[in-house]
Protein backbone atom coordinates (compact mmCIF):
# COMPACT_ATOMS: atom_id res chain seq x y z
CA MET A 1 23.53 -13.99 21.86
CA ALA A 2 23.20 -11.11 19.20
CA ALA A 3 19.81 -9.59 18.72
CA LYS A 4 16.96 -11.51 17.34
CA PHE A 5 13.52 -11.01 16.02
CA GLU A 6 11.34 -13.73 17.93
CA LEU A 7 8.47 -14.55 15.58
CA LYS A 8 5.28 -16.24 18.06
CA LYS A 9 1.93 -17.00 17.64
CA SER A 10 -0.43 -15.19 19.93
CA LYS A 11 -3.35 -16.71 22.76
CA SER A 12 -5.52 -15.26 19.70
CA ASP A 13 -3.73 -17.18 17.37
CA GLN A 14 -2.13 -14.47 15.64
CA PHE A 15 1.32 -13.50 14.72
CA MET A 16 3.60 -11.00 16.52
CA PHE A 17 7.35 -10.63 17.12
CA ASN A 18 9.39 -8.99 19.74
CA LEU A 19 12.97 -7.47 19.21
CA LYS A 20 15.02 -9.09 21.34
CA ALA A 21 18.70 -6.90 22.34
CA ALA A 22 21.64 -9.04 23.23
CA ASN A 23 20.93 -9.69 26.72
CA GLY A 24 17.55 -11.14 25.86
CA GLU A 25 15.54 -8.28 26.72
CA ILE A 26 12.29 -6.78 24.86
CA ILE A 27 13.13 -3.66 22.43
CA LEU A 28 10.05 -3.46 21.16
CA THR A 29 7.02 -5.52 20.10
CA SER A 30 4.59 -5.23 16.78
CA GLU A 31 1.42 -5.42 16.24
CA LEU A 32 -0.66 -8.40 15.70
CA TYR A 33 -0.85 -9.70 12.40
CA THR A 34 -3.33 -12.23 10.88
CA THR A 35 -0.83 -14.13 9.10
CA LYS A 36 3.08 -15.13 9.14
CA ALA A 37 3.94 -13.22 6.18
CA ALA A 38 2.49 -10.07 7.52
CA ALA A 39 4.63 -10.31 10.23
CA MET A 40 7.32 -11.34 8.31
CA ASN A 41 6.70 -8.01 6.69
CA GLY A 42 6.29 -6.52 9.32
CA ILE A 43 10.36 -7.49 10.31
CA GLU A 44 11.31 -6.44 7.32
CA SER A 45 10.02 -2.60 7.96
CA VAL A 46 11.43 -2.80 11.23
CA GLN A 47 14.85 -3.57 9.84
CA LYS A 48 14.03 -0.72 6.87
CA ASN A 49 13.02 2.13 9.24
CA SER A 50 14.70 1.44 12.34
CA PRO A 51 17.75 3.05 11.62
CA LEU A 52 15.78 6.37 10.78
CA ASP A 53 15.51 8.55 13.51
CA GLU A 54 12.45 10.09 12.36
CA ARG A 55 10.76 7.07 12.12
CA TYR A 56 10.21 7.14 16.17
CA GLU A 57 7.54 9.43 17.74
CA ARG A 58 8.21 10.05 21.34
CA LYS A 59 5.42 9.75 23.68
CA GLN A 60 4.81 10.30 27.31
CA ALA A 61 1.68 7.98 29.14
CA LYS A 62 -0.65 9.22 31.54
CA ASP A 63 1.26 8.39 34.58
CA GLY A 64 4.45 10.16 33.31
CA GLN A 65 6.60 6.85 31.97
CA HIS A 66 8.02 7.14 28.54
CA PHE A 67 8.11 4.90 25.17
CA PHE A 68 8.29 5.08 21.51
CA VAL A 69 6.38 4.00 18.43
CA LEU A 70 8.27 3.04 15.33
CA LYS A 71 6.54 3.90 11.84
CA ALA A 72 6.67 2.83 8.72
CA ALA A 73 6.99 5.96 5.91
CA ASN A 74 3.29 5.89 5.20
CA HIS A 75 2.88 6.13 9.15
CA GLN A 76 1.85 2.68 9.90
CA VAL A 77 2.60 2.12 13.16
CA ILE A 78 5.48 -1.70 13.31
CA GLY A 79 5.71 -1.73 16.72
CA LYS A 80 6.19 0.20 20.33
CA SER A 81 8.53 -0.04 23.29
CA GLU A 82 7.81 -1.02 26.50
CA TYR A 83 7.62 2.43 29.36
CA TYR A 84 10.45 3.84 30.53
CA LYS A 85 10.72 5.95 33.90
CA SER A 86 12.73 8.40 31.77
CA THR A 87 13.60 10.19 28.82
CA SER A 88 17.23 9.49 28.76
CA SER A 89 16.05 5.69 29.21
CA MET A 90 13.64 5.64 26.57
CA GLU A 91 16.25 7.69 24.18
CA ASN A 92 18.85 4.56 24.92
CA GLY A 93 15.77 2.13 23.69
CA ILE A 94 15.87 3.96 20.93
CA ALA A 95 19.37 3.98 20.18
CA SER A 96 19.00 -0.16 20.73
CA VAL A 97 16.42 -0.56 18.18
CA LYS A 98 18.55 1.54 15.88
CA ARG A 99 21.68 -0.56 16.47
CA ASN A 100 19.85 -3.73 16.51
CA GLY A 101 16.54 -3.84 14.19
CA PRO A 102 18.43 -3.28 10.92
CA GLU A 103 20.86 -6.67 11.67
CA ALA A 104 18.83 -8.46 13.83
CA LYS A 105 18.19 -12.48 12.48
CA VAL A 106 14.35 -14.03 12.47
CA ASP A 107 14.37 -16.97 15.32
CA ASP A 108 10.46 -18.23 14.40
CA THR A 109 9.17 -20.35 17.04
CA THR A 110 5.93 -20.92 14.82
CA VAL A 111 7.24 -23.89 13.48
């Protein structure tokens, strides 16, 4: 299975997407969008910005776990990672988004 963006509706009837690696693991989760068109723009933004290291903000949660946020050129958050136990695991997650984000196809589950 190839990496893909899974576009879906949330419980609150808004739109969101997950970027899934080839193994099916979620590597990036979007914010909520009020329209499908806005969510599709978010996917396009991931495709454009994910190869650029300066777009990643590396963070640490209060419990010590690591995560990252992918931001657009205007500094708006596009998506957030899962939590990782180590910095190296987080860096592997970033590398996966960089590798998969630009080429992943969209699986629209809203239709």
